[in-house]
Amino acid sequence: MPTEHSYIAFEDNRRIAAGALDEVARAVKATSDARPQARILAFDAQTSEVLEIDCRGSVAEVLGRITAAPATS
């Protein structure tokens, strides 16, 4: 049975989101909009790989860039 990939994001030492990529990206975008100087890090929860989430533009644009990004293995 396949497991859903999960992600996690932090603002400094506070977890702001965990779960599916779109949910984490929405939380990262909301935090970035609310506090532009926030230090936010997002990770793949399985591999600990750092995620680059480009928060420019609307939520739809942020999500569009994520789904358009090539998957890495």
C-alpha atoms as a PDB file:
ATOM      1  CA  MET A   1       0.000   0.000   0.000  1.00  0.00           C
ATOM      2  CA  PRO A   2       1.593   3.350  -1.029  1.00  0.00           C
ATOM      3  CA  THR A   3       2.015   6.009   1.607  1.00  0.00           C
ATOM      4  CA  GLU A   4       1.373   9.669   0.970  1.00  0.00           C
ATOM      5  CA  HIS A   5       4.513  11.751   0.958  1.00  0.00           C
ATOM      6  CA  SER A   6       4.594  14.335   3.730  1.00  0.00           C
ATOM      7  CA  TYR A   7       6.355  17.603   4.320  1.00  0.00           C
ATOM      8  CA  ILE A   8       6.995  19.889   7.282  1.00  0.00           C
ATOM      9  CA  ALA A   9       7.715  23.614   7.628  1.00  0.00           C
ATOM     10  CA  PHE A  10       9.093  25.719  10.466  1.00  0.00           C
ATOM     11  CA  GLU A  11       9.275  29.411  11.219  1.00  0.00           C
ATOM     12  CA  ASP A  12      12.356  29.631  13.420  1.00  0.00           C
ATOM     13  CA  ASN A  13      11.749  26.804  15.922  1.00  0.00           C
ATOM     14  CA  ARG A  14       7.924  26.732  15.587  1.00  0.00           C
ATOM     15  CA  ARG A  15       6.281  24.174  13.317  1.00  0.00           C
ATOM     16  CA  ILE A  16       3.819  25.977  11.053  1.00  0.00           C
ATOM     17  CA  ALA A  17       2.626  23.032   8.958  1.00  0.00           C
ATOM     18  CA  ALA A  18       2.949  19.331   8.340  1.00  0.00           C
ATOM     19  CA  GLY A  19       1.265  17.154   5.746  1.00  0.00           C
ATOM     20  CA  ALA A  20       0.731  17.198   2.011  1.00  0.00           C
ATOM     21  CA  LEU A  21       2.874  19.519  -0.103  1.00  0.00           C
ATOM     22  CA  ASP A  22       0.000  21.826  -1.053  1.00  0.00           C
ATOM     23  CA  GLU A  23      -1.029  22.260   2.606  1.00  0.00           C
ATOM     24  CA  VAL A  24       2.525  23.044   3.673  1.00  0.00           C
ATOM     25  CA  ALA A  25       3.017  25.437   0.757  1.00  0.00           C
ATOM     26  CA  ARG A  26      -0.186  27.303   1.682  1.00  0.00           C
ATOM     27  CA  ALA A  27       1.021  27.695   5.277  1.00  0.00           C
ATOM     28  CA  VAL A  28       4.468  28.846   4.125  1.00  0.00           C
ATOM     29  CA  LYS A  29       2.844  31.416   1.806  1.00  0.00           C
ATOM     30  CA  ALA A  30       0.496  32.676   4.551  1.00  0.00           C
ATOM     31  CA  THR A  31       3.357  33.014   7.026  1.00  0.00           C
ATOM     32  CA  SER A  32       5.537  34.748   4.455  1.00  0.00           C
ATOM     33  CA  ASP A  33       2.750  37.198   3.620  1.00  0.00           C
ATOM     34  CA  ALA A  34       2.013  37.921   7.298  1.00  0.00           C
ATOM     35  CA  ARG A  35       5.667  38.282   8.291  1.00  0.00           C
ATOM     36  CA  PRO A  36       7.857  39.044   5.251  1.00  0.00           C
ATOM     37  CA  GLN A  37      11.047  38.866   7.323  1.00  0.00           C
ATOM     38  CA  ALA A  38      10.183  35.434   8.770  1.00  0.00           C
ATOM     39  CA  ARG A  39      12.828  32.721   8.543  1.00  0.00           C
ATOM     40  CA  ILE A  40      10.967  29.748   7.114  1.00  0.00           C
ATOM     41  CA  LEU A  41      12.386  26.322   6.324  1.00  0.00           C
ATOM     42  CA  ALA A  42      10.432  23.495   4.682  1.00  0.00           C
ATOM     43  CA  PHE A  43      11.551  19.879   4.450  1.00  0.00           C
ATOM     44  CA  ASP A  44      10.574  16.558   2.956  1.00  0.00           C
ATOM     45  CA  ALA A  45       9.570  14.636   6.109  1.00  0.00           C
ATOM     46  CA  GLN A  46      10.966  11.333   4.813  1.00  0.00           C
ATOM     47  CA  THR A  47      14.327  12.455   3.414  1.00  0.00           C
ATOM     48  CA  SER A  48      14.902  15.753   5.277  1.00  0.00           C
ATOM     49  CA  GLU A  49      15.631  17.373   1.908  1.00  0.00           C
ATOM     50  CA  VAL A  50      15.129  21.145   2.057  1.00  0.00           C
ATOM     51  CA  LEU A  51      12.280  22.409  -0.143  1.00  0.00           C
ATOM     52  CA  GLU A  52      12.451  25.629  -2.072  1.00  0.00           C
ATOM     53  CA  ILE A  53       8.999  27.246  -2.035  1.00  0.00           C
ATOM     54  CA  ASP A  54       8.821  30.418  -4.101  1.00  0.00           C
ATOM     55  CA  CYS A  55       6.243  32.594  -2.307  1.00  0.00           C
ATOM     56  CA  ARG A  56       5.971  35.298  -4.959  1.00  0.00           C
ATOM     57  CA  GLY A  57       2.496  35.999  -6.303  1.00  0.00           C
ATOM     58  CA  SER A  58      -0.828  34.455  -5.345  1.00  0.00           C
ATOM     59  CA  VAL A  59      -1.425  31.149  -3.590  1.00  0.00           C
ATOM     60  CA  ALA A  60      -2.486  29.693  -6.957  1.00  0.00           C
ATOM     61  CA  GLU A  61       0.822  30.803  -8.504  1.00  0.00           C
ATOM     62  CA  VAL A  62       2.809  29.309  -5.613  1.00  0.00           C
ATOM     63  CA  LEU A  63       0.955  25.998  -5.950  1.00  0.00           C
ATOM     64  CA  GLY A  64       1.348  26.079  -9.735  1.00  0.00           C
ATOM     65  CA  ARG A  65       5.107  26.373  -9.460  1.00  0.00           C
ATOM     66  CA  ILE A  66       5.241  23.475  -7.009  1.00  0.00           C
ATOM     67  CA  THR A  67       3.222  21.131  -9.220  1.00  0.00           C
ATOM     68  CA  ALA A  68       5.240  22.195 -12.261  1.00  0.00           C
ATOM     69  CA  ALA A  69       8.580  21.505 -10.562  1.00  0.00           C
ATOM     70  CA  PRO A  70      10.246  18.249 -11.598  1.00  0.00           C
ATOM     71  CA  ALA A  71      10.228  15.511  -8.981  1.00  0.00           C
ATOM     72  CA  THR A  72      13.581  14.413  -7.612  1.00  0.00           C
ATOM     73  CA  SER A  73      14.422  10.919  -6.436  1.00  0.00           C
END
